[in-house]
Protein backbone atom coordinates (compact mmCIF):
# COMPACT_ATOMS: atom_id res chain seq x y z
CA MET A 1 128.75 113.94 107.76
CA PRO A 2 131.52 116.83 108.06
CA THR A 3 130.85 118.96 105.62
CA THR A 4 135.46 118.61 105.60
CA LEU A 5 135.13 115.55 104.20
CA GLY A 6 134.59 115.44 100.52
CA VAL A 7 133.76 113.31 97.65
CA PHE A 8 136.72 111.89 97.09
CA GLY A 9 137.53 111.14 101.03
CA ARG A 10 133.91 110.04 101.89
CA SER A 11 134.39 107.14 99.17
CA ARG A 12 137.96 105.82 99.96
CA GLU A 13 136.34 105.74 103.42
CA LEU A 14 134.21 103.71 102.87
CA SER A 15 136.27 100.71 101.06
CA ALA A 16 139.57 100.74 99.77
CA ARG A 17 137.41 100.12 95.82
CA SER A 18 136.96 103.64 95.32
CA HIS A 19 134.25 105.03 93.10
CA GLU A 20 134.61 105.61 89.59
CA GLN A 21 132.04 108.35 88.70
CA VAL A 22 129.70 110.79 90.86
CA VAL A 23 127.73 112.78 88.87
CA PHE A 24 125.94 115.75 90.37
CA CYS A 25 122.91 116.78 88.06
CA GLU A 26 120.78 119.70 88.53
CA ASP A 27 118.13 121.18 86.46
CA GLU A 28 116.25 124.52 87.14
CA LYS A 29 113.61 124.53 85.23
CA SER A 30 112.01 121.01 86.38
CA GLY A 31 113.51 121.70 89.96
CA LEU A 32 115.60 118.46 89.83
CA LYS A 33 118.83 117.97 91.90
CA ALA A 34 120.30 114.23 91.99
CA ILE A 35 123.30 112.59 92.09
CA ILE A 36 124.91 108.98 90.39
CA ALA A 37 127.28 107.38 92.13
CA ILE A 38 129.50 104.73 90.35
CA HIS A 39 131.23 102.87 91.92
CA SER A 40 132.58 99.52 90.20
CA THR A 41 131.59 98.59 86.43
CA ALA A 42 134.14 95.76 87.13
CA LEU A 43 131.85 93.01 85.85
CA GLY A 44 129.74 94.62 84.33
CA PRO A 45 127.31 98.29 84.13
CA ALA A 46 126.62 99.61 86.91
CA LEU A 47 123.18 98.45 87.96
CA GLY A 48 121.11 100.23 91.13
CA GLY A 49 118.18 101.84 91.65
CA CYS A 50 116.59 105.69 91.97
CA ARG A 51 115.69 106.95 95.71
CA MET A 52 113.90 109.67 96.14
CA TYR A 53 113.65 110.88 99.52
CA PRO A 54 113.56 114.50 101.07
CA TYR A 55 117.55 114.87 102.17
CA ALA A 56 118.05 117.62 104.94
CA ASP A 57 120.60 118.78 103.23
CA GLU A 58 123.14 117.67 99.65
CA PHE A 59 125.54 116.18 102.46
CA GLU A 60 123.24 113.66 103.98
CA ALA A 61 122.29 112.78 100.11
CA LEU A 62 125.54 112.68 98.98
CA GLU A 63 126.38 110.19 101.95
CA ASP A 64 123.61 107.95 100.94
CA VAL A 65 124.47 107.30 97.73
CA LEU A 66 127.98 107.34 97.83
CA ARG A 67 127.11 104.07 100.73
CA LEU A 68 124.08 102.90 98.50
CA SER A 69 126.24 102.01 95.19
CA TRP A 70 129.13 100.85 97.33
CA GLY A 71 127.03 98.09 98.74
CA MET A 72 125.39 97.12 95.47
CA THR A 73 128.74 96.43 93.89
CA TYR A 74 129.19 94.00 96.86
CA LYS A 75 125.83 92.73 96.43
CA ALA A 76 126.16 91.85 92.37
CA ALA A 77 129.53 90.28 92.85
CA ALA A 78 127.91 88.21 96.01
CA ALA A 79 124.91 87.67 93.79
CA GLY A 80 126.95 85.96 90.42
CA VAL A 81 125.32 88.55 88.41
CA ASN A 82 127.75 90.10 85.81
CA LEU A 83 126.89 93.30 86.66
CA GLY A 84 128.83 96.41 88.79
CA GLY A 85 127.36 98.69 91.31
CA GLY A 86 125.86 102.40 91.41
CA LYS A 87 122.81 104.39 92.55
CA SER A 88 121.43 107.53 92.39
CA VAL A 89 119.00 109.42 94.48
CA ILE A 90 117.05 112.72 93.81
CA ILE A 91 116.51 114.85 96.65
CA GLY A 92 112.61 115.88 96.64
CA ASP A 93 109.69 114.67 98.65
CA PRO A 94 107.91 111.51 96.68
CA ASN A 95 104.66 112.08 97.80
CA SER A 96 104.70 115.36 96.51
CA ASP A 97 107.53 116.71 94.17
CA LYS A 98 107.50 113.82 91.27
CA SER A 99 106.53 115.09 87.88
CA GLU A 100 107.15 113.69 84.80
CA GLU A 101 109.48 116.93 83.48
CA LEU A 102 111.72 116.27 86.66
CA PHE A 103 111.96 112.24 85.41
CA ALA A 104 112.55 113.44 82.43
CA ALA A 105 115.00 115.27 83.56
CA PHE A 106 116.26 112.56 85.68
CA ALA A 107 116.88 110.61 82.67
CA ARG A 108 118.51 112.65 80.14
CA PHE A 109 121.43 112.31 83.00
CA VAL A 110 121.78 108.93 82.89
CA ASP A 111 121.30 108.86 79.32
CA ASN A 112 124.53 110.76 78.84
CA LEU A 113 126.43 108.45 80.76
CA GLY A 114 126.15 105.71 77.67
CA GLY A 115 125.09 103.06 79.65
CA ARG A 116 127.74 102.71 82.46
CA TYR A 117 124.59 103.28 85.01
CA VAL A 118 121.59 101.46 84.46
CA THR A 119 118.35 103.22 86.98
CA ALA A 120 115.74 100.81 88.23
CA GLY A 121 113.32 101.46 91.39
CA ASP A 122 113.87 101.95 95.09
CA VAL A 123 112.95 103.97 98.22
CA GLY A 124 110.56 106.71 96.84
CA THR A 125 110.20 105.42 93.10
CA ASN A 126 107.68 103.10 91.53
CA THR A 127 107.10 100.73 88.05
CA ASP A 128 105.11 104.14 86.94
CA ASP A 129 107.81 106.42 87.34
CA LEU A 130 110.31 103.99 85.83
CA ASP A 131 107.90 103.94 82.96
CA VAL A 132 107.99 107.54 82.19
CA ILE A 133 111.84 107.39 82.56
CA GLY A 134 111.60 104.69 80.39
CA LYS A 135 110.46 107.42 77.84
CA TYR A 136 113.79 109.24 77.78
CA THR A 137 116.53 106.27 78.37
CA THR A 138 116.80 102.74 77.82
CA TYR A 139 119.30 103.11 80.61
CA VAL A 140 116.40 101.85 83.35
CA THR A 141 115.42 98.59 84.23
CA GLY A 142 111.78 97.26 86.98
CA ARG A 143 109.56 99.05 84.34
CA SER A 144 106.11 97.58 84.65
CA THR A 145 104.98 94.46 82.18
CA ALA A 146 102.37 96.83 79.86
CA ALA A 147 105.81 98.34 79.43
CA GLY A 148 107.99 95.80 78.38
CA GLY A 149 109.84 95.16 81.97
CA SER A 150 109.69 92.62 84.62
CA GLY A 151 107.49 94.61 87.12
CA ASP A 152 107.71 95.44 90.50
CA SER A 153 110.61 93.45 92.68
CA ALA A 154 109.33 93.82 96.06
CA ARG A 155 107.98 90.33 95.84
CA LEU A 156 111.38 88.40 94.70
CA THR A 157 113.08 90.80 97.23
CA ALA A 158 111.27 89.17 100.03
CA LEU A 159 111.44 85.86 98.72
CA GLY A 160 115.33 86.44 98.63
CA VAL A 161 115.58 88.03 102.45
CA PHE A 162 113.08 85.13 103.78
CA ASN A 163 115.57 82.28 102.11
CA ALA A 164 118.23 84.12 103.82
CA MET A 165 116.55 84.27 107.11
CA ARG A 166 116.14 80.74 106.62
CA ALA A 167 119.37 79.94 106.83
CA GLY A 168 120.69 82.09 109.44
CA ALA A 169 117.40 80.10 111.25
CA GLU A 170 119.31 77.25 110.64
CA SER A 171 122.92 78.12 111.73
CA VAL A 172 121.18 79.59 114.70
CA TRP A 173 118.53 76.92 115.66
CA GLY A 174 119.42 73.77 113.29
CA THR A 175 116.33 74.01 111.24
CA ALA A 176 115.93 76.38 108.21
CA SER A 177 111.97 76.62 109.18
CA LEU A 178 110.59 79.85 110.73
CA ALA A 179 107.46 77.85 112.16
CA GLY A 180 106.80 78.98 116.11
CA ARG A 181 109.96 81.74 115.72
CA THR A 182 108.76 85.55 116.69
CA VAL A 183 109.60 87.41 113.92
CA GLY A 184 109.74 91.39 114.02
CA VAL A 185 109.40 93.05 110.87
CA GLU A 186 110.05 96.79 110.46
CA GLY A 187 108.77 98.75 107.87
CA VAL A 188 105.80 96.82 106.13
CA GLY A 189 106.12 99.08 102.65
CA LYS A 190 106.13 96.55 99.27
CA VAL A 191 109.24 94.51 100.59
CA GLY A 192 108.12 94.07 104.18
CA GLY A 193 104.69 93.45 103.19
CA GLU A 194 105.86 90.30 101.48
CA LEU A 195 107.98 89.47 103.43
CA ILE A 196 105.08 89.16 106.03
CA ALA A 197 103.56 86.69 103.77
CA LEU A 198 105.75 84.27 103.28
CA LEU A 199 106.42 84.62 107.52
CA ILE A 200 103.11 83.43 107.94
CA ALA A 201 102.93 81.06 105.39
CA ASP A 202 105.74 79.38 107.11
CA GLY A 203 104.26 79.50 110.21
CA ALA A 204 106.17 82.16 112.12
CA GLU A 205 104.48 84.95 114.69
CA VAL A 206 104.84 88.66 113.29
CA CYS A 207 104.52 91.66 114.81
CA ALA A 208 105.68 94.72 113.05
CA THR A 209 106.15 98.56 112.91
CA ASP A 210 106.14 101.47 110.85
CA VAL A 211 105.94 105.72 110.86
CA ASN A 212 103.62 104.98 108.38
CA ASP A 213 100.57 104.32 110.30
CA ALA A 214 98.25 103.98 106.80
CA ALA A 215 101.02 100.92 105.51
CA LEU A 216 100.43 99.62 109.14
CA HIS A 217 97.02 99.69 108.97
CA ARG A 218 97.26 97.93 104.92
CA VAL A 219 99.19 95.41 106.45
CA SER A 220 96.48 94.44 109.40
CA ILE A 221 94.22 94.29 107.50
CA ASP A 222 96.63 92.09 105.06
CA HIS A 223 97.00 89.65 107.95
CA PRO A 224 94.97 90.45 111.11
CA SER A 225 96.95 87.48 112.99
CA ILE A 226 100.37 90.54 113.21
CA ARG A 227 100.74 92.12 116.27
CA LEU A 228 101.80 95.87 115.94
CA LEU A 229 104.21 97.21 118.26
CA SER A 230 105.84 101.11 118.20
CA SER A 231 108.99 99.21 118.11
CA VAL A 232 110.50 95.84 116.64
CA ALA A 233 114.18 96.15 117.54
CA ASP A 234 114.13 95.54 120.92
CA ALA A 235 111.59 93.97 121.21
CA PRO A 236 111.23 89.98 123.01
CA VAL A 237 111.51 88.51 119.85
CA ASP A 238 114.02 86.01 118.10
CA VAL A 239 114.49 87.45 114.68
CA TYR A 240 114.29 91.16 114.11
CA ALA A 241 114.18 91.75 110.40
CA PRO A 242 115.01 95.69 109.79
CA CYS A 243 113.30 96.26 106.04
CA ALA A 244 113.15 100.73 106.52
CA LEU A 245 115.74 102.46 105.99
CA GLY A 246 119.59 101.75 107.10
CA ALA A 247 121.68 102.74 110.30
CA THR A 248 119.54 100.77 112.48
CA LEU A 249 122.07 98.74 113.82
CA THR A 250 124.08 101.07 115.91
CA PRO A 251 125.96 100.39 119.15
CA ALA A 252 123.63 101.87 121.34
CA SER A 253 120.57 99.60 119.38
CA ALA A 254 123.55 96.42 119.57
CA ASP A 255 123.12 96.28 122.93
CA THR A 256 118.63 96.17 123.36
CA ILE A 257 117.85 93.83 120.55
CA GLU A 258 116.71 91.01 121.98
CA ALA A 259 116.77 88.98 119.31
CA LYS A 260 119.31 85.87 118.38
CA LEU A 261 118.99 86.72 114.46
CA ILE A 262 118.91 90.00 112.06
CA CYS A 263 118.12 89.67 108.95
CA GLY A 264 116.01 92.49 106.31
CA ALA A 265 116.18 93.92 103.30
CA ALA A 266 117.03 97.01 104.62
CA ASN A 267 120.58 98.39 102.56
CA ASN A 268 123.59 99.52 104.55
CA GLN A 269 122.27 98.27 108.07
CA LEU A 270 125.24 98.75 110.16
CA ALA A 271 125.34 102.19 111.59
CA ASN A 272 130.00 101.43 111.05
CA PRO A 273 131.41 97.90 110.52
CA GLY A 274 132.34 98.09 114.05
CA VAL A 275 128.72 97.18 115.04
CA GLU A 276 129.05 93.34 113.65
CA GLN A 277 131.91 92.96 116.43
CA LEU A 278 129.16 94.15 119.07
CA LEU A 279 126.48 92.15 117.74
CA ARG A 280 128.60 88.85 117.73
CA ARG A 281 130.17 89.62 121.41
CA ARG A 282 126.38 88.95 122.51
CA GLY A 283 125.41 86.11 120.41
CA ILE A 284 123.54 88.09 117.46
CA THR A 285 123.61 86.14 114.06
CA TRP A 286 123.52 89.16 111.68
CA VAL A 287 122.94 88.26 107.71
CA PRO A 288 124.82 90.99 105.20
CA ASP A 289 121.86 92.75 103.91
CA PHE A 290 123.40 92.39 100.76
CA VAL A 291 123.45 88.98 100.35
CA ALA A 292 119.99 88.85 102.05
CA ASN A 293 118.78 91.21 99.36
CA ALA A 294 119.67 90.44 96.33
CA GLY A 295 116.57 89.22 95.00
CA GLY A 296 115.64 92.63 93.47
CA LEU A 297 118.65 92.78 91.70
CA MET A 298 119.07 89.43 90.29
CA GLN A 299 114.89 90.05 88.84
CA VAL A 300 116.33 93.35 86.91
CA ALA A 301 119.82 91.34 86.26
CA GLY A 302 117.25 88.82 84.57
CA GLU A 303 115.67 91.54 83.17
CA LEU A 304 118.23 92.96 81.23
CA GLN A 305 119.84 89.88 80.11
CA GLY A 306 115.88 88.39 78.44
CA VAL A 307 116.14 85.44 80.99
CA ASP A 308 112.66 84.01 82.31
CA ARG A 309 111.24 85.02 85.05
CA ALA A 310 110.44 81.29 86.24
CA THR A 311 114.94 80.91 86.24
CA VAL A 312 115.43 83.96 88.29
CA GLU A 313 112.74 83.58 91.02
CA ALA A 314 114.40 79.84 90.92
CA ASP A 315 118.14 81.39 91.27
CA VAL A 316 116.66 83.67 93.95
CA THR A 317 115.41 80.70 95.90
CA ARG A 318 119.61 79.97 96.19
CA ILE A 319 119.84 82.62 98.26
CA PHE A 320 119.67 80.14 100.94
CA ASP A 321 122.62 78.37 99.84
CA ARG A 322 125.18 80.93 99.27
CA THR A 323 123.95 82.08 102.75
CA ARG A 324 124.86 78.92 104.03
CA GLU A 325 128.35 78.78 102.16
CA ILE A 326 129.45 82.13 103.56
CA ILE A 327 127.86 81.68 107.36
CA SER A 328 129.55 78.01 107.19
CA ALA A 329 133.61 79.67 105.93
CA ALA A 330 132.94 82.63 108.87
CA ARG A 331 132.62 79.75 110.92
CA VAL A 332 135.41 77.77 109.39
CA SER A 333 137.70 80.77 109.38
CA GLY A 334 136.88 82.36 112.34
CA ILE A 335 135.41 85.49 111.12
CA SER A 336 132.36 87.75 111.14
CA ILE A 337 129.69 86.63 108.99
CA GLY A 338 130.12 89.99 107.27
CA ALA A 339 133.41 89.70 106.77
CA ALA A 340 133.12 86.25 105.24
CA ALA A 341 131.01 87.72 102.81
CA ASN A 342 132.91 90.67 101.20
CA ARG A 343 135.84 88.39 100.85
CA PHE A 344 133.31 86.24 98.77
CA ALA A 345 132.24 89.37 96.57
CA GLU A 346 136.01 90.08 96.34
CA ARG A 347 137.63 86.89 95.00
CA ARG A 348 134.62 87.58 92.41
CA LEU A 349 135.51 90.87 91.98
CA ASP A 350 139.74 90.17 91.54
CA GLY A 351 138.65 87.71 89.21
CA ALA A 352 138.98 84.78 91.20
CA ILE A 353 135.71 83.40 90.92
């Protein structure tokens, strides 16, 4: 990101709906450097996870938190929950920089926002971290069941992606089953691992890749039938499922992807909006990430609202119906699926649905 493009300019570049508030948080004693971005509170408090990552610099962290928070607004709107969109990032290595002091400092910044932002887990943070944060603020969700929360959201996130993938498969091949299809899963962390289990149970053949060798070893022990590859984005697969960090769909990768369907858990999969048009020209169907990966958000929304687990799980399986509806609307209107998904979310943001 160019250093000449500031917070206001970057926010407007992402969307006509600019961010409501961006907070830069620093605590010298704990070493905390964090950014909280509230994109919208139109539908309710801005909810979104706290990502901990060793960003190269503050500009990279800002870019990420602005994009992620914008995506959360659309995810909540498309999922039908009464929440707004927000996100936070902590600059640091989750393998070495975590401490109670650091999370306590972060929690105090969250608390100072008075409920406009509710934090949760994301890449680099887990239920243990959220339990610590919960000691210092009530504006946190996704804590462990022992601490009164709903636990890790990986399983329901994966369930939502699986159902979105089924809807995508129906549109491409005429059947919602993944049986006999080869699915390449990129990123075998908590969500990727849960997705692999669902795919294998449905009869799919799975190949996988990850930058973390230990994670690959673990998933190969759990699922001996999967094939481990150095890359799945350009492999001869039917479905490409990006489940690691975003922006893997670039103009360059759009030319080399062999899959006919792309559907995964990663946020912000498109490097820029024009990439979807490149994919469409090659006959590749992309299910927008904020539609597919809403299961985790629906879980923590249910936690905030006191909804029981069975009801939330039933709602998550209906991501299949929502994805099917959006794909159908795109075909009827002659627009991309991404544009149809944006319209669906924006109508709700504007109070039309």
